[in-house]
């Protein structure tokens, strides 16, 4: 539930992938 996504892009999702967990 983080932002602004225009600047973050996919960076938080990549962290979740590296941690091996699902995300919404």
PDBML (XML) file of the C-alpha atoms, coordinates in Angstrom:
<?xml version="1.0" encoding="UTF-8" ?>
<PDBx:datablock datablockName="MODEL"
   xmlns:PDBx="http://pdbml.pdb.org/schema/pdbx-v50.xsd"
   xmlns:xsi="http://www.w3.org/2001/XMLSchema-instance"
   xsi:schemaLocation="http://pdbml.pdb.org/schema/pdbx-v50.xsd pdbx-v50.xsd">
   <PDBx:atom_siteCategory>
      <PDBx:atom_site id="1">
         <PDBx:B_iso_or_equiv>0.00</PDBx:B_iso_or_equiv>
         <PDBx:Cartn_x>0.000</PDBx:Cartn_x>
         <PDBx:Cartn_y>0.000</PDBx:Cartn_y>
         <PDBx:Cartn_z>0.000</PDBx:Cartn_z>
         <PDBx:auth_asym_id>A</PDBx:auth_asym_id>
         <PDBx:auth_atom_id>CA</PDBx:auth_atom_id>
         <PDBx:auth_comp_id>UNK</PDBx:auth_comp_id>
         <PDBx:auth_seq_id>1</PDBx:auth_seq_id>
         <PDBx:group_PDB>ATOM</PDBx:group_PDB>
         <PDBx:label_alt_id xsi:nil="true" />
         <PDBx:label_asym_id>A</PDBx:label_asym_id>
         <PDBx:label_atom_id>CA</PDBx:label_atom_id>
         <PDBx:label_comp_id>UNK</PDBx:label_comp_id>
         <PDBx:label_entity_id>1</PDBx:label_entity_id>
         <PDBx:label_seq_id>1</PDBx:label_seq_id>
         <PDBx:occupancy>1.00</PDBx:occupancy>
         <PDBx:pdbx_PDB_model_num>1</PDBx:pdbx_PDB_model_num>
         <PDBx:type_symbol>C</PDBx:type_symbol>
      </PDBx:atom_site>
      <PDBx:atom_site id="2">
         <PDBx:B_iso_or_equiv>0.00</PDBx:B_iso_or_equiv>
         <PDBx:Cartn_x>2.990</PDBx:Cartn_x>
         <PDBx:Cartn_y>2.137</PDBx:Cartn_y>
         <PDBx:Cartn_z>-0.780</PDBx:Cartn_z>
         <PDBx:auth_asym_id>A</PDBx:auth_asym_id>
         <PDBx:auth_atom_id>CA</PDBx:auth_atom_id>
         <PDBx:auth_comp_id>UNK</PDBx:auth_comp_id>
         <PDBx:auth_seq_id>2</PDBx:auth_seq_id>
         <PDBx:group_PDB>ATOM</PDBx:group_PDB>
         <PDBx:label_alt_id xsi:nil="true" />
         <PDBx:label_asym_id>A</PDBx:label_asym_id>
         <PDBx:label_atom_id>CA</PDBx:label_atom_id>
         <PDBx:label_comp_id>UNK</PDBx:label_comp_id>
         <PDBx:label_entity_id>1</PDBx:label_entity_id>
         <PDBx:label_seq_id>2</PDBx:label_seq_id>
         <PDBx:occupancy>1.00</PDBx:occupancy>
         <PDBx:pdbx_PDB_model_num>1</PDBx:pdbx_PDB_model_num>
         <PDBx:type_symbol>C</PDBx:type_symbol>
      </PDBx:atom_site>
      <PDBx:atom_site id="3">
         <PDBx:B_iso_or_equiv>0.00</PDBx:B_iso_or_equiv>
         <PDBx:Cartn_x>3.578</PDBx:Cartn_x>
         <PDBx:Cartn_y>5.016</PDBx:Cartn_y>
         <PDBx:Cartn_z>-3.197</PDBx:Cartn_z>
         <PDBx:auth_asym_id>A</PDBx:auth_asym_id>
         <PDBx:auth_atom_id>CA</PDBx:auth_atom_id>
         <PDBx:auth_comp_id>UNK</PDBx:auth_comp_id>
         <PDBx:auth_seq_id>3</PDBx:auth_seq_id>
         <PDBx:group_PDB>ATOM</PDBx:group_PDB>
         <PDBx:label_alt_id xsi:nil="true" />
         <PDBx:label_asym_id>A</PDBx:label_asym_id>
         <PDBx:label_atom_id>CA</PDBx:label_atom_id>
         <PDBx:label_comp_id>UNK</PDBx:label_comp_id>
         <PDBx:label_entity_id>1</PDBx:label_entity_id>
         <PDBx:label_seq_id>3</PDBx:label_seq_id>
         <PDBx:occupancy>1.00</PDBx:occupancy>
         <PDBx:pdbx_PDB_model_num>1</PDBx:pdbx_PDB_model_num>
         <PDBx:type_symbol>C</PDBx:type_symbol>
      </PDBx:atom_site>
      <PDBx:atom_site id="4">
         <PDBx:B_iso_or_equiv>0.00</PDBx:B_iso_or_equiv>
         <PDBx:Cartn_x>4.015</PDBx:Cartn_x>
         <PDBx:Cartn_y>6.942</PDBx:Cartn_y>
         <PDBx:Cartn_z>-5.325</PDBx:Cartn_z>
         <PDBx:auth_asym_id>A</PDBx:auth_asym_id>
         <PDBx:auth_atom_id>CA</PDBx:auth_atom_id>
         <PDBx:auth_comp_id>UNK</PDBx:auth_comp_id>
         <PDBx:auth_seq_id>4</PDBx:auth_seq_id>
         <PDBx:group_PDB>ATOM</PDBx:group_PDB>
         <PDBx:label_alt_id xsi:nil="true" />
         <PDBx:label_asym_id>A</PDBx:label_asym_id>
         <PDBx:label_atom_id>CA</PDBx:label_atom_id>
         <PDBx:label_comp_id>UNK</PDBx:label_comp_id>
         <PDBx:label_entity_id>1</PDBx:label_entity_id>
         <PDBx:label_seq_id>4</PDBx:label_seq_id>
         <PDBx:occupancy>1.00</PDBx:occupancy>
         <PDBx:pdbx_PDB_model_num>1</PDBx:pdbx_PDB_model_num>
         <PDBx:type_symbol>C</PDBx:type_symbol>
      </PDBx:atom_site>
      <PDBx:atom_site id="5">
         <PDBx:B_iso_or_equiv>0.00</PDBx:B_iso_or_equiv>
         <PDBx:Cartn_x>4.166</PDBx:Cartn_x>
         <PDBx:Cartn_y>3.995</PDBx:Cartn_y>
         <PDBx:Cartn_z>-7.719</PDBx:Cartn_z>
         <PDBx:auth_asym_id>A</PDBx:auth_asym_id>
         <PDBx:auth_atom_id>CA</PDBx:auth_atom_id>
         <PDBx:auth_comp_id>UNK</PDBx:auth_comp_id>
         <PDBx:auth_seq_id>5</PDBx:auth_seq_id>
         <PDBx:group_PDB>ATOM</PDBx:group_PDB>
         <PDBx:label_alt_id xsi:nil="true" />
         <PDBx:label_asym_id>A</PDBx:label_asym_id>
         <PDBx:label_atom_id>CA</PDBx:label_atom_id>
         <PDBx:label_comp_id>UNK</PDBx:label_comp_id>
         <PDBx:label_entity_id>1</PDBx:label_entity_id>
         <PDBx:label_seq_id>5</PDBx:label_seq_id>
         <PDBx:occupancy>1.00</PDBx:occupancy>
         <PDBx:pdbx_PDB_model_num>1</PDBx:pdbx_PDB_model_num>
         <PDBx:type_symbol>C</PDBx:type_symbol>
      </PDBx:atom_site>
      <PDBx:atom_site id="6">
         <PDBx:B_iso_or_equiv>0.00</PDBx:B_iso_or_equiv>
         <PDBx:Cartn_x>5.190</PDBx:Cartn_x>
         <PDBx:Cartn_y>6.259</PDBx:Cartn_y>
         <PDBx:Cartn_z>-10.631</PDBx:Cartn_z>
         <PDBx:auth_asym_id>A</PDBx:auth_asym_id>
         <PDBx:auth_atom_id>CA</PDBx:auth_atom_id>
         <PDBx:auth_comp_id>UNK</PDBx:auth_comp_id>
         <PDBx:auth_seq_id>6</PDBx:auth_seq_id>
         <PDBx:group_PDB>ATOM</PDBx:group_PDB>
         <PDBx:label_alt_id xsi:nil="true" />
         <PDBx:label_asym_id>A</PDBx:label_asym_id>
         <PDBx:label_atom_id>CA</PDBx:label_atom_id>
         <PDBx:label_comp_id>UNK</PDBx:label_comp_id>
         <PDBx:label_entity_id>1</PDBx:label_entity_id>
         <PDBx:label_seq_id>6</PDBx:label_seq_id>
         <PDBx:occupancy>1.00</PDBx:occupancy>
         <PDBx:pdbx_PDB_model_num>1</PDBx:pdbx_PDB_model_num>
         <PDBx:type_symbol>C</PDBx:type_symbol>
      </PDBx:atom_site>
      <PDBx:atom_site id="7">
         <PDBx:B_iso_or_equiv>0.00</PDBx:B_iso_or_equiv>
         <PDBx:Cartn_x>8.580</PDBx:Cartn_x>
         <PDBx:Cartn_y>6.452</PDBx:Cartn_y>
         <PDBx:Cartn_z>-8.919</PDBx:Cartn_z>
         <PDBx:auth_asym_id>A</PDBx:auth_asym_id>
         <PDBx:auth_atom_id>CA</PDBx:auth_atom_id>
         <PDBx:auth_comp_id>UNK</PDBx:auth_comp_id>
         <PDBx:auth_seq_id>7</PDBx:auth_seq_id>
         <PDBx:group_PDB>ATOM</PDBx:group_PDB>
         <PDBx:label_alt_id xsi:nil="true" />
         <PDBx:label_asym_id>A</PDBx:label_asym_id>
         <PDBx:label_atom_id>CA</PDBx:label_atom_id>
         <PDBx:label_comp_id>UNK</PDBx:label_comp_id>
         <PDBx:label_entity_id>1</PDBx:label_entity_id>
         <PDBx:label_seq_id>7</PDBx:label_seq_id>
         <PDBx:occupancy>1.00</PDBx:occupancy>
         <PDBx:pdbx_PDB_model_num>1</PDBx:pdbx_PDB_model_num>
         <PDBx:type_symbol>C</PDBx:type_symbol>
      </PDBx:atom_site>
      <PDBx:atom_site id="8">
         <PDBx:B_iso_or_equiv>0.00</PDBx:B_iso_or_equiv>
         <PDBx:Cartn_x>8.776</PDBx:Cartn_x>
         <PDBx:Cartn_y>3.112</PDBx:Cartn_y>
         <PDBx:Cartn_z>-7.157</PDBx:Cartn_z>
         <PDBx:auth_asym_id>A</PDBx:auth_asym_id>
         <PDBx:auth_atom_id>CA</PDBx:auth_atom_id>
         <PDBx:auth_comp_id>UNK</PDBx:auth_comp_id>
         <PDBx:auth_seq_id>8</PDBx:auth_seq_id>
         <PDBx:group_PDB>ATOM</PDBx:group_PDB>
         <PDBx:label_alt_id xsi:nil="true" />
         <PDBx:label_asym_id>A</PDBx:label_asym_id>
         <PDBx:label_atom_id>CA</PDBx:label_atom_id>
         <PDBx:label_comp_id>UNK</PDBx:label_comp_id>
         <PDBx:label_entity_id>1</PDBx:label_entity_id>
         <PDBx:label_seq_id>8</PDBx:label_seq_id>
         <PDBx:occupancy>1.00</PDBx:occupancy>
         <PDBx:pdbx_PDB_model_num>1</PDBx:pdbx_PDB_model_num>
         <PDBx:type_symbol>C</PDBx:type_symbol>
      </PDBx:atom_site>
      <PDBx:atom_site id="9">
         <PDBx:B_iso_or_equiv>0.00</PDBx:B_iso_or_equiv>
         <PDBx:Cartn_x>7.809</PDBx:Cartn_x>
         <PDBx:Cartn_y>1.130</PDBx:Cartn_y>
         <PDBx:Cartn_z>-10.266</PDBx:Cartn_z>
         <PDBx:auth_asym_id>A</PDBx:auth_asym_id>
         <PDBx:auth_atom_id>CA</PDBx:auth_atom_id>
         <PDBx:auth_comp_id>UNK</PDBx:auth_comp_id>
         <PDBx:auth_seq_id>9</PDBx:auth_seq_id>
         <PDBx:group_PDB>ATOM</PDBx:group_PDB>
         <PDBx:label_alt_id xsi:nil="true" />
         <PDBx:label_asym_id>A</PDBx:label_asym_id>
         <PDBx:label_atom_id>CA</PDBx:label_atom_id>
         <PDBx:label_comp_id>UNK</PDBx:label_comp_id>
         <PDBx:label_entity_id>1</PDBx:label_entity_id>
         <PDBx:label_seq_id>9</PDBx:label_seq_id>
         <PDBx:occupancy>1.00</PDBx:occupancy>
         <PDBx:pdbx_PDB_model_num>1</PDBx:pdbx_PDB_model_num>
         <PDBx:type_symbol>C</PDBx:type_symbol>
      </PDBx:atom_site>
      <PDBx:atom_site id="10">
         <PDBx:B_iso_or_equiv>0.00</PDBx:B_iso_or_equiv>
         <PDBx:Cartn_x>8.400</PDBx:Cartn_x>
         <PDBx:Cartn_y>-2.595</PDBx:Cartn_y>
         <PDBx:Cartn_z>-9.575</PDBx:Cartn_z>
         <PDBx:auth_asym_id>A</PDBx:auth_asym_id>
         <PDBx:auth_atom_id>CA</PDBx:auth_atom_id>
         <PDBx:auth_comp_id>UNK</PDBx:auth_comp_id>
         <PDBx:auth_seq_id>10</PDBx:auth_seq_id>
         <PDBx:group_PDB>ATOM</PDBx:group_PDB>
         <PDBx:label_alt_id xsi:nil="true" />
         <PDBx:label_asym_id>A</PDBx:label_asym_id>
         <PDBx:label_atom_id>CA</PDBx:label_atom_id>
         <PDBx:label_comp_id>UNK</PDBx:label_comp_id>
         <PDBx:label_entity_id>1</PDBx:label_entity_id>
         <PDBx:label_seq_id>10</PDBx:label_seq_id>
         <PDBx:occupancy>1.00</PDBx:occupancy>
         <PDBx:pdbx_PDB_model_num>1</PDBx:pdbx_PDB_model_num>
         <PDBx:type_symbol>C</PDBx:type_symbol>
      </PDBx:atom_site>
      <PDBx:atom_site id="11">
         <PDBx:B_iso_or_equiv>0.00</PDBx:B_iso_or_equiv>
         <PDBx:Cartn_x>11.110</PDBx:Cartn_x>
         <PDBx:Cartn_y>-2.208</PDBx:Cartn_y>
         <PDBx:Cartn_z>-6.925</PDBx:Cartn_z>
         <PDBx:auth_asym_id>A</PDBx:auth_asym_id>
         <PDBx:auth_atom_id>CA</PDBx:auth_atom_id>
         <PDBx:auth_comp_id>UNK</PDBx:auth_comp_id>
         <PDBx:auth_seq_id>11</PDBx:auth_seq_id>
         <PDBx:group_PDB>ATOM</PDBx:group_PDB>
         <PDBx:label_alt_id xsi:nil="true" />
         <PDBx:label_asym_id>A</PDBx:label_asym_id>
         <PDBx:label_atom_id>CA</PDBx:label_atom_id>
         <PDBx:label_comp_id>UNK</PDBx:label_comp_id>
         <PDBx:label_entity_id>1</PDBx:label_entity_id>
         <PDBx:label_seq_id>11</PDBx:label_seq_id>
         <PDBx:occupancy>1.00</PDBx:occupancy>
         <PDBx:pdbx_PDB_model_num>1</PDBx:pdbx_PDB_model_num>
         <PDBx:type_symbol>C</PDBx:type_symbol>
      </PDBx:atom_site>
      <PDBx:atom_site id="12">
         <PDBx:B_iso_or_equiv>0.00</PDBx:B_iso_or_equiv>
         <PDBx:Cartn_x>9.005</PDBx:Cartn_x>
         <PDBx:Cartn_y>-3.406</PDBx:Cartn_y>
         <PDBx:Cartn_z>-3.925</PDBx:Cartn_z>
         <PDBx:auth_asym_id>A</PDBx:auth_asym_id>
         <PDBx:auth_atom_id>CA</PDBx:auth_atom_id>
         <PDBx:auth_comp_id>UNK</PDBx:auth_comp_id>
         <PDBx:auth_seq_id>12</PDBx:auth_seq_id>
         <PDBx:group_PDB>ATOM</PDBx:group_PDB>
         <PDBx:label_alt_id xsi:nil="true" />
         <PDBx:label_asym_id>A</PDBx:label_asym_id>
         <PDBx:label_atom_id>CA</PDBx:label_atom_id>
         <PDBx:label_comp_id>UNK</PDBx:label_comp_id>
         <PDBx:label_entity_id>1</PDBx:label_entity_id>
         <PDBx:label_seq_id>12</PDBx:label_seq_id>
         <PDBx:occupancy>1.00</PDBx:occupancy>
         <PDBx:pdbx_PDB_model_num>1</PDBx:pdbx_PDB_model_num>
         <PDBx:type_symbol>C</PDBx:type_symbol>
      </PDBx:atom_site>
      <PDBx:atom_site id="13">
         <PDBx:B_iso_or_equiv>0.00</PDBx:B_iso_or_equiv>
         <PDBx:Cartn_x>7.791</PDBx:Cartn_x>
         <PDBx:Cartn_y>-6.402</PDBx:Cartn_y>
         <PDBx:Cartn_z>-5.952</PDBx:Cartn_z>
         <PDBx:auth_asym_id>A</PDBx:auth_asym_id>
         <PDBx:auth_atom_id>CA</PDBx:auth_atom_id>
         <PDBx:auth_comp_id>UNK</PDBx:auth_comp_id>
         <PDBx:auth_seq_id>13</PDBx:auth_seq_id>
         <PDBx:group_PDB>ATOM</PDBx:group_PDB>
         <PDBx:label_alt_id xsi:nil="true" />
         <PDBx:label_asym_id>A</PDBx:label_asym_id>
         <PDBx:label_atom_id>CA</PDBx:label_atom_id>
         <PDBx:label_comp_id>UNK</PDBx:label_comp_id>
         <PDBx:label_entity_id>1</PDBx:label_entity_id>
         <PDBx:label_seq_id>13</PDBx:label_seq_id>
         <PDBx:occupancy>1.00</PDBx:occupancy>
         <PDBx:pdbx_PDB_model_num>1</PDBx:pdbx_PDB_model_num>
         <PDBx:type_symbol>C</PDBx:type_symbol>
      </PDBx:atom_site>
      <PDBx:atom_site id="14">
         <PDBx:B_iso_or_equiv>0.00</PDBx:B_iso_or_equiv>
         <PDBx:Cartn_x>11.341</PDBx:Cartn_x>
         <PDBx:Cartn_y>-7.422</PDBx:Cartn_y>
         <PDBx:Cartn_z>-6.721</PDBx:Cartn_z>
         <PDBx:auth_asym_id>A</PDBx:auth_asym_id>
         <PDBx:auth_atom_id>CA</PDBx:auth_atom_id>
         <PDBx:auth_comp_id>UNK</PDBx:auth_comp_id>
         <PDBx:auth_seq_id>14</PDBx:auth_seq_id>
         <PDBx:group_PDB>ATOM</PDBx:group_PDB>
         <PDBx:label_alt_id xsi:nil="true" />
         <PDBx:label_asym_id>A</PDBx:label_asym_id>
         <PDBx:label_atom_id>CA</PDBx:label_atom_id>
         <PDBx:label_comp_id>UNK</PDBx:label_comp_id>
         <PDBx:label_entity_id>1</PDBx:label_entity_id>
         <PDBx:label_seq_id>14</PDBx:label_seq_id>
         <PDBx:occupancy>1.00</PDBx:occupancy>
         <PDBx:pdbx_PDB_model_num>1</PDBx:pdbx_PDB_model_num>
         <PDBx:type_symbol>C</PDBx:type_symbol>
      </PDBx:atom_site>
      <PDBx:atom_site id="15">
         <PDBx:B_iso_or_equiv>0.00</PDBx:B_iso_or_equiv>
         <PDBx:Cartn_x>12.094</PDBx:Cartn_x>
         <PDBx:Cartn_y>-7.381</PDBx:Cartn_y>
         <PDBx:Cartn_z>-2.988</PDBx:Cartn_z>
         <PDBx:auth_asym_id>A</PDBx:auth_asym_id>
         <PDBx:auth_atom_id>CA</PDBx:auth_atom_id>
         <PDBx:auth_comp_id>UNK</PDBx:auth_comp_id>
         <PDBx:auth_seq_id>15</PDBx:auth_seq_id>
         <PDBx:group_PDB>ATOM</PDBx:group_PDB>
         <PDBx:label_alt_id xsi:nil="true" />
         <PDBx:label_asym_id>A</PDBx:label_asym_id>
         <PDBx:label_atom_id>CA</PDBx:label_atom_id>
         <PDBx:label_comp_id>UNK</PDBx:label_comp_id>
         <PDBx:label_entity_id>1</PDBx:label_entity_id>
         <PDBx:label_seq_id>15</PDBx:label_seq_id>
         <PDBx:occupancy>1.00</PDBx:occupancy>
         <PDBx:pdbx_PDB_model_num>1</PDBx:pdbx_PDB_model_num>
         <PDBx:type_symbol>C</PDBx:type_symbol>
      </PDBx:atom_site>
      <PDBx:atom_site id="16">
         <PDBx:B_iso_or_equiv>0.00</PDBx:B_iso_or_equiv>
         <PDBx:Cartn_x>9.169</PDBx:Cartn_x>
         <PDBx:Cartn_y>-9.744</PDBx:Cartn_y>
         <PDBx:Cartn_z>-2.390</PDBx:Cartn_z>
         <PDBx:auth_asym_id>A</PDBx:auth_asym_id>
         <PDBx:auth_atom_id>CA</PDBx:auth_atom_id>
         <PDBx:auth_comp_id>UNK</PDBx:auth_comp_id>
         <PDBx:auth_seq_id>16</PDBx:auth_seq_id>
         <PDBx:group_PDB>ATOM</PDBx:group_PDB>
         <PDBx:label_alt_id xsi:nil="true" />
         <PDBx:label_asym_id>A</PDBx:label_asym_id>
         <PDBx:label_atom_id>CA</PDBx:label_atom_id>
         <PDBx:label_comp_id>UNK</PDBx:label_comp_id>
         <PDBx:label_entity_id>1</PDBx:label_entity_id>
         <PDBx:label_seq_id>16</PDBx:label_seq_id>
         <PDBx:occupancy>1.00</PDBx:occupancy>
         <PDBx:pdbx_PDB_model_num>1</PDBx:pdbx_PDB_model_num>
         <PDBx:type_symbol>C</PDBx:type_symbol>
      </PDBx:atom_site>
      <PDBx:atom_site id="17">
         <PDBx:B_iso_or_equiv>0.00</PDBx:B_iso_or_equiv>
         <PDBx:Cartn_x>10.430</PDBx:Cartn_x>
         <PDBx:Cartn_y>-12.091</PDBx:Cartn_y>
         <PDBx:Cartn_z>-5.117</PDBx:Cartn_z>
         <PDBx:auth_asym_id>A</PDBx:auth_asym_id>
         <PDBx:auth_atom_id>CA</PDBx:auth_atom_id>
         <PDBx:auth_comp_id>UNK</PDBx:auth_comp_id>
         <PDBx:auth_seq_id>17</PDBx:auth_seq_id>
         <PDBx:group_PDB>ATOM</PDBx:group_PDB>
         <PDBx:label_alt_id xsi:nil="true" />
         <PDBx:label_asym_id>A</PDBx:label_asym_id>
         <PDBx:label_atom_id>CA</PDBx:label_atom_id>
         <PDBx:label_comp_id>UNK</PDBx:label_comp_id>
         <PDBx:label_entity_id>1</PDBx:label_entity_id>
         <PDBx:label_seq_id>17</PDBx:label_seq_id>
         <PDBx:occupancy>1.00</PDBx:occupancy>
         <PDBx:pdbx_PDB_model_num>1</PDBx:pdbx_PDB_model_num>
         <PDBx:type_symbol>C</PDBx:type_symbol>
      </PDBx:atom_site>
      <PDBx:atom_site id="18">
         <PDBx:B_iso_or_equiv>0.00</PDBx:B_iso_or_equiv>
         <PDBx:Cartn_x>13.878</PDBx:Cartn_x>
         <PDBx:Cartn_y>-12.131</PDBx:Cartn_y>
         <PDBx:Cartn_z>-3.580</PDBx:Cartn_z>
         <PDBx:auth_asym_id>A</PDBx:auth_asym_id>
         <PDBx:auth_atom_id>CA</PDBx:auth_atom_id>
         <PDBx:auth_comp_id>UNK</PDBx:auth_comp_id>
         <PDBx:auth_seq_id>18</PDBx:auth_seq_id>
         <PDBx:group_PDB>ATOM</PDBx:group_PDB>
         <PDBx:label_alt_id xsi:nil="true" />
         <PDBx:label_asym_id>A</PDBx:label_asym_id>
         <PDBx:label_atom_id>CA</PDBx:label_atom_id>
         <PDBx:label_comp_id>UNK</PDBx:label_comp_id>
         <PDBx:label_entity_id>1</PDBx:label_entity_id>
         <PDBx:label_seq_id>18</PDBx:label_seq_id>
         <PDBx:occupancy>1.00</PDBx:occupancy>
         <PDBx:pdbx_PDB_model_num>1</PDBx:pdbx_PDB_model_num>
         <PDBx:type_symbol>C</PDBx:type_symbol>
      </PDBx:atom_site>
      <PDBx:atom_site id="19">
         <PDBx:B_iso_or_equiv>0.00</PDBx:B_iso_or_equiv>
         <PDBx:Cartn_x>12.308</PDBx:Cartn_x>
         <PDBx:Cartn_y>-12.898</PDBx:Cartn_y>
         <PDBx:Cartn_z>-0.208</PDBx:Cartn_z>
         <PDBx:auth_asym_id>A</PDBx:auth_asym_id>
         <PDBx:auth_atom_id>CA</PDBx:auth_atom_id>
         <PDBx:auth_comp_id>UNK</PDBx:auth_comp_id>
         <PDBx:auth_seq_id>19</PDBx:auth_seq_id>
         <PDBx:group_PDB>ATOM</PDBx:group_PDB>
         <PDBx:label_alt_id xsi:nil="true" />
         <PDBx:label_asym_id>A</PDBx:label_asym_id>
         <PDBx:label_atom_id>CA</PDBx:label_atom_id>
         <PDBx:label_comp_id>UNK</PDBx:label_comp_id>
         <PDBx:label_entity_id>1</PDBx:label_entity_id>
         <PDBx:label_seq_id>19</PDBx:label_seq_id>
         <PDBx:occupancy>1.00</PDBx:occupancy>
         <PDBx:pdbx_PDB_model_num>1</PDBx:pdbx_PDB_model_num>
         <PDBx:type_symbol>C</PDBx:type_symbol>
      </PDBx:atom_site>
      <PDBx:atom_site id="20">
         <PDBx:B_iso_or_equiv>0.00</PDBx:B_iso_or_equiv>
         <PDBx:Cartn_x>10.246</PDBx:Cartn_x>
         <PDBx:Cartn_y>-15.678</PDBx:Cartn_y>
         <PDBx:Cartn_z>-1.805</PDBx:Cartn_z>
         <PDBx:auth_asym_id>A</PDBx:auth_asym_id>
         <PDBx:auth_atom_id>CA</PDBx:auth_atom_id>
         <PDBx:auth_comp_id>UNK</PDBx:auth_comp_id>
         <PDBx:auth_seq_id>20</PDBx:auth_seq_id>
         <PDBx:group_PDB>ATOM</PDBx:group_PDB>
         <PDBx:label_alt_id xsi:nil="true" />
         <PDBx:label_asym_id>A</PDBx:label_asym_id>
         <PDBx:label_atom_id>CA</PDBx:label_atom_id>
         <PDBx:label_comp_id>UNK</PDBx:label_comp_id>
         <PDBx:label_entity_id>1</PDBx:label_entity_id>
         <PDBx:label_seq_id>20</PDBx:label_seq_id>
         <PDBx:occupancy>1.00</PDBx:occupancy>
         <PDBx:pdbx_PDB_model_num>1</PDBx:pdbx_PDB_model_num>
         <PDBx:type_symbol>C</PDBx:type_symbol>
      </PDBx:atom_site>
      <PDBx:atom_site id="21">
         <PDBx:B_iso_or_equiv>0.00</PDBx:B_iso_or_equiv>
         <PDBx:Cartn_x>6.823</PDBx:Cartn_x>
         <PDBx:Cartn_y>-14.413</PDBx:Cartn_y>
         <PDBx:Cartn_z>-0.710</PDBx:Cartn_z>
         <PDBx:auth_asym_id>A</PDBx:auth_asym_id>
         <PDBx:auth_atom_id>CA</PDBx:auth_atom_id>
         <PDBx:auth_comp_id>UNK</PDBx:auth_comp_id>
         <PDBx:auth_seq_id>21</PDBx:auth_seq_id>
         <PDBx:group_PDB>ATOM</PDBx:group_PDB>
         <PDBx:label_alt_id xsi:nil="true" />
         <PDBx:label_asym_id>A</PDBx:label_asym_id>
         <PDBx:label_atom_id>CA</PDBx:label_atom_id>
         <PDBx:label_comp_id>UNK</PDBx:label_comp_id>
         <PDBx:label_entity_id>1</PDBx:label_entity_id>
         <PDBx:label_seq_id>21</PDBx:label_seq_id>
         <PDBx:occupancy>1.00</PDBx:occupancy>
         <PDBx:pdbx_PDB_model_num>1</PDBx:pdbx_PDB_model_num>
         <PDBx:type_symbol>C</PDBx:type_symbol>
      </PDBx:atom_site>
      <PDBx:atom_site id="22">
         <PDBx:B_iso_or_equiv>0.00</PDBx:B_iso_or_equiv>
         <PDBx:Cartn_x>3.563</PDBx:Cartn_x>
         <PDBx:Cartn_y>-13.504</PDBx:Cartn_y>
         <PDBx:Cartn_z>-2.464</PDBx:Cartn_z>
         <PDBx:auth_asym_id>A</PDBx:auth_asym_id>
         <PDBx:auth_atom_id>CA</PDBx:auth_atom_id>
         <PDBx:auth_comp_id>UNK</PDBx:auth_comp_id>
         <PDBx:auth_seq_id>22</PDBx:auth_seq_id>
         <PDBx:group_PDB>ATOM</PDBx:group_PDB>
         <PDBx:label_alt_id xsi:nil="true" />
         <PDBx:label_asym_id>A</PDBx:label_asym_id>
         <PDBx:label_atom_id>CA</PDBx:label_atom_id>
         <PDBx:label_comp_id>UNK</PDBx:label_comp_id>
         <PDBx:label_entity_id>1</PDBx:label_entity_id>
         <PDBx:label_seq_id>22</PDBx:label_seq_id>
         <PDBx:occupancy>1.00</PDBx:occupancy>
         <PDBx:pdbx_PDB_model_num>1</PDBx:pdbx_PDB_model_num>
         <PDBx:type_symbol>C</PDBx:type_symbol>
      </PDBx:atom_site>
      <PDBx:atom_site id="23">
         <PDBx:B_iso_or_equiv>0.00</PDBx:B_iso_or_equiv>
         <PDBx:Cartn_x>2.394</PDBx:Cartn_x>
         <PDBx:Cartn_y>-9.914</PDBx:Cartn_y>
         <PDBx:Cartn_z>-2.706</PDBx:Cartn_z>
         <PDBx:auth_asym_id>A</PDBx:auth_asym_id>
         <PDBx:auth_atom_id>CA</PDBx:auth_atom_id>
         <PDBx:auth_comp_id>UNK</PDBx:auth_comp_id>
         <PDBx:auth_seq_id>23</PDBx:auth_seq_id>
         <PDBx:group_PDB>ATOM</PDBx:group_PDB>
         <PDBx:label_alt_id xsi:nil="true" />
         <PDBx:label_asym_id>A</PDBx:label_asym_id>
         <PDBx:label_atom_id>CA</PDBx:label_atom_id>
         <PDBx:label_comp_id>UNK</PDBx:label_comp_id>
         <PDBx:label_entity_id>1</PDBx:label_entity_id>
         <PDBx:label_seq_id>23</PDBx:label_seq_id>
         <PDBx:occupancy>1.00</PDBx:occupancy>
         <PDBx:pdbx_PDB_model_num>1</PDBx:pdbx_PDB_model_num>
         <PDBx:type_symbol>C</PDBx:type_symbol>
      </PDBx:atom_site>
      <PDBx:atom_site id="24">
         <PDBx:B_iso_or_equiv>0.00</PDBx:B_iso_or_equiv>
         <PDBx:Cartn_x>-0.724</PDBx:Cartn_x>
         <PDBx:Cartn_y>-7.885</PDBx:Cartn_y>
         <PDBx:Cartn_z>-3.491</PDBx:Cartn_z>
         <PDBx:auth_asym_id>A</PDBx:auth_asym_id>
         <PDBx:auth_atom_id>CA</PDBx:auth_atom_id>
         <PDBx:auth_comp_id>UNK</PDBx:auth_comp_id>
         <PDBx:auth_seq_id>24</PDBx:auth_seq_id>
         <PDBx:group_PDB>ATOM</PDBx:group_PDB>
         <PDBx:label_alt_id xsi:nil="true" />
         <PDBx:label_asym_id>A</PDBx:label_asym_id>
         <PDBx:label_atom_id>CA</PDBx:label_atom_id>
         <PDBx:label_comp_id>UNK</PDBx:label_comp_id>
         <PDBx:label_entity_id>1</PDBx:label_entity_id>
         <PDBx:label_seq_id>24</PDBx:label_seq_id>
         <PDBx:occupancy>1.00</PDBx:occupancy>
         <PDBx:pdbx_PDB_model_num>1</PDBx:pdbx_PDB_model_num>
         <PDBx:type_symbol>C</PDBx:type_symbol>
      </PDBx:atom_site>
   </PDBx:atom_siteCategory>
</PDBx:datablock>
